[in-house]
Amino acid sequence: MNFEPDTLSKVPAALDTYGARVSSLLNTGEDLRGLPFAFVEKKMLGGKGELFLRDRCIRFRSNGGFNKL
């Protein structure tokens, strides 16, 4: 896993903006802010992220609206 220097400043904003969509897309049933680690990033043509849940790790790629894997 590689982190860019500005990752820590982008993560809270992305979780606030896209957290509910990602949670419903992946059926986690949890608020992403309460997870041990959650990283969500939106690019021009799509989105991606990593979530460390209590029992598993999920890496995903989706479309820009976070409604299709």
C-alpha atoms as a PDB file:
ATOM      1  CA  MET A   1       0.000   0.000   0.000  1.00  0.00           C
ATOM      2  CA  ASN A   2       1.462   3.355  -1.034  1.00  0.00           C
ATOM      3  CA  PHE A   3       0.408   6.626   0.546  1.00  0.00           C
ATOM      4  CA  GLU A   4       0.908  10.042  -0.970  1.00  0.00           C
ATOM      5  CA  PRO A   5       1.944  12.906   1.351  1.00  0.00           C
ATOM      6  CA  ASP A   6      -1.477  14.601   1.139  1.00  0.00           C
ATOM      7  CA  THR A   7      -3.507  11.427   1.853  1.00  0.00           C
ATOM      8  CA  LEU A   8      -4.304  12.322   5.458  1.00  0.00           C
ATOM      9  CA  SER A   9      -5.892  15.606   4.431  1.00  0.00           C
ATOM     10  CA  LYS A  10      -8.044  14.011   1.687  1.00  0.00           C
ATOM     11  CA  VAL A  11      -9.373  10.984   3.585  1.00  0.00           C
ATOM     12  CA  PRO A  12     -11.816  12.732   5.989  1.00  0.00           C
ATOM     13  CA  ALA A  13     -13.300  14.845   3.193  1.00  0.00           C
ATOM     14  CA  ALA A  14     -13.782  11.816   0.940  1.00  0.00           C
ATOM     15  CA  LEU A  15     -15.398   9.792   3.735  1.00  0.00           C
ATOM     16  CA  ASP A  16     -17.829  12.599   4.492  1.00  0.00           C
ATOM     17  CA  THR A  17     -18.725  13.033   0.828  1.00  0.00           C
ATOM     18  CA  TYR A  18     -18.823   9.429  -0.448  1.00  0.00           C
ATOM     19  CA  GLY A  19     -18.956   7.318   2.724  1.00  0.00           C
ATOM     20  CA  ALA A  20     -22.685   6.568   2.649  1.00  0.00           C
ATOM     21  CA  ARG A  21     -22.576   5.574  -1.029  1.00  0.00           C
ATOM     22  CA  VAL A  22     -19.586   3.269  -0.518  1.00  0.00           C
ATOM     23  CA  SER A  23     -21.143   1.687   2.559  1.00  0.00           C
ATOM     24  CA  SER A  24     -24.357   0.886   0.665  1.00  0.00           C
ATOM     25  CA  LEU A  25     -22.424  -0.284  -2.419  1.00  0.00           C
ATOM     26  CA  LEU A  26     -20.402  -2.804  -0.405  1.00  0.00           C
ATOM     27  CA  ASN A  27     -23.177  -3.666   2.093  1.00  0.00           C
ATOM     28  CA  THR A  28     -20.912  -3.123   5.078  1.00  0.00           C
ATOM     29  CA  GLY A  29     -23.743  -1.961   7.319  1.00  0.00           C
ATOM     30  CA  GLU A  30     -21.342   0.340   9.160  1.00  0.00           C
ATOM     31  CA  ASP A  31     -20.413   3.982   9.102  1.00  0.00           C
ATOM     32  CA  LEU A  32     -16.989   4.230   7.466  1.00  0.00           C
ATOM     33  CA  ARG A  33     -15.819   6.742  10.088  1.00  0.00           C
ATOM     34  CA  GLY A  34     -16.078   4.014  12.744  1.00  0.00           C
ATOM     35  CA  LEU A  35     -13.804   1.569  10.930  1.00  0.00           C
ATOM     36  CA  PRO A  36     -10.187   1.025  11.952  1.00  0.00           C
ATOM     37  CA  PHE A  37      -9.049   2.220   8.495  1.00  0.00           C
ATOM     38  CA  ALA A  38     -11.012   3.463   5.495  1.00  0.00           C
ATOM     39  CA  PHE A  39      -9.603   5.067   2.353  1.00  0.00           C
ATOM     40  CA  VAL A  40     -11.873   6.267  -0.467  1.00  0.00           C
ATOM     41  CA  GLU A  41     -10.683   8.178  -3.498  1.00  0.00           C
ATOM     42  CA  LYS A  42     -12.616   9.553  -6.463  1.00  0.00           C
ATOM     43  CA  LYS A  43     -10.805  10.067  -9.738  1.00  0.00           C
ATOM     44  CA  MET A  44     -12.043  11.531 -12.996  1.00  0.00           C
ATOM     45  CA  LEU A  45     -13.473   8.288 -14.419  1.00  0.00           C
ATOM     46  CA  GLY A  46     -14.075   6.213 -11.312  1.00  0.00           C
ATOM     47  CA  GLY A  47     -13.379   5.591  -7.675  1.00  0.00           C
ATOM     48  CA  LYS A  48     -11.429   3.165  -5.559  1.00  0.00           C
ATOM     49  CA  GLY A  49     -10.739   2.428  -1.958  1.00  0.00           C
ATOM     50  CA  GLU A  50      -9.723   0.109   0.828  1.00  0.00           C
ATOM     51  CA  LEU A  51     -11.645  -0.701   3.971  1.00  0.00           C
ATOM     52  CA  PHE A  52     -10.360  -2.617   6.962  1.00  0.00           C
ATOM     53  CA  LEU A  53     -13.398  -4.056   8.677  1.00  0.00           C
ATOM     54  CA  ARG A  54     -13.188  -5.950  11.946  1.00  0.00           C
ATOM     55  CA  ASP A  55     -13.199  -9.323  10.165  1.00  0.00           C
ATOM     56  CA  ARG A  56     -11.871  -8.632   6.645  1.00  0.00           C
ATOM     57  CA  CYS A  57     -10.212  -6.231   4.245  1.00  0.00           C
ATOM     58  CA  ILE A  58     -11.999  -4.982   1.119  1.00  0.00           C
ATOM     59  CA  ARG A  59     -10.294  -3.375  -1.881  1.00  0.00           C
ATOM     60  CA  PHE A  60     -12.630  -2.093  -4.544  1.00  0.00           C
ATOM     61  CA  ARG A  61     -12.923  -0.111  -7.757  1.00  0.00           C
ATOM     62  CA  SER A  62     -16.166   1.432  -8.920  1.00  0.00           C
ATOM     63  CA  ASN A  63     -17.647   3.942 -11.286  1.00  0.00           C
ATOM     64  CA  GLY A  64     -17.558   7.662 -10.438  1.00  0.00           C
ATOM     65  CA  GLY A  65     -20.933   7.635  -8.695  1.00  0.00           C
ATOM     66  CA  PHE A  66     -19.992   4.767  -6.351  1.00  0.00           C
ATOM     67  CA  ASN A  67     -23.056   2.769  -7.374  1.00  0.00           C
ATOM     68  CA  LYS A  68     -21.528  -0.004  -9.513  1.00  0.00           C
ATOM     69  CA  LEU A  69     -18.453  -2.156  -8.861  1.00  0.00           C
END
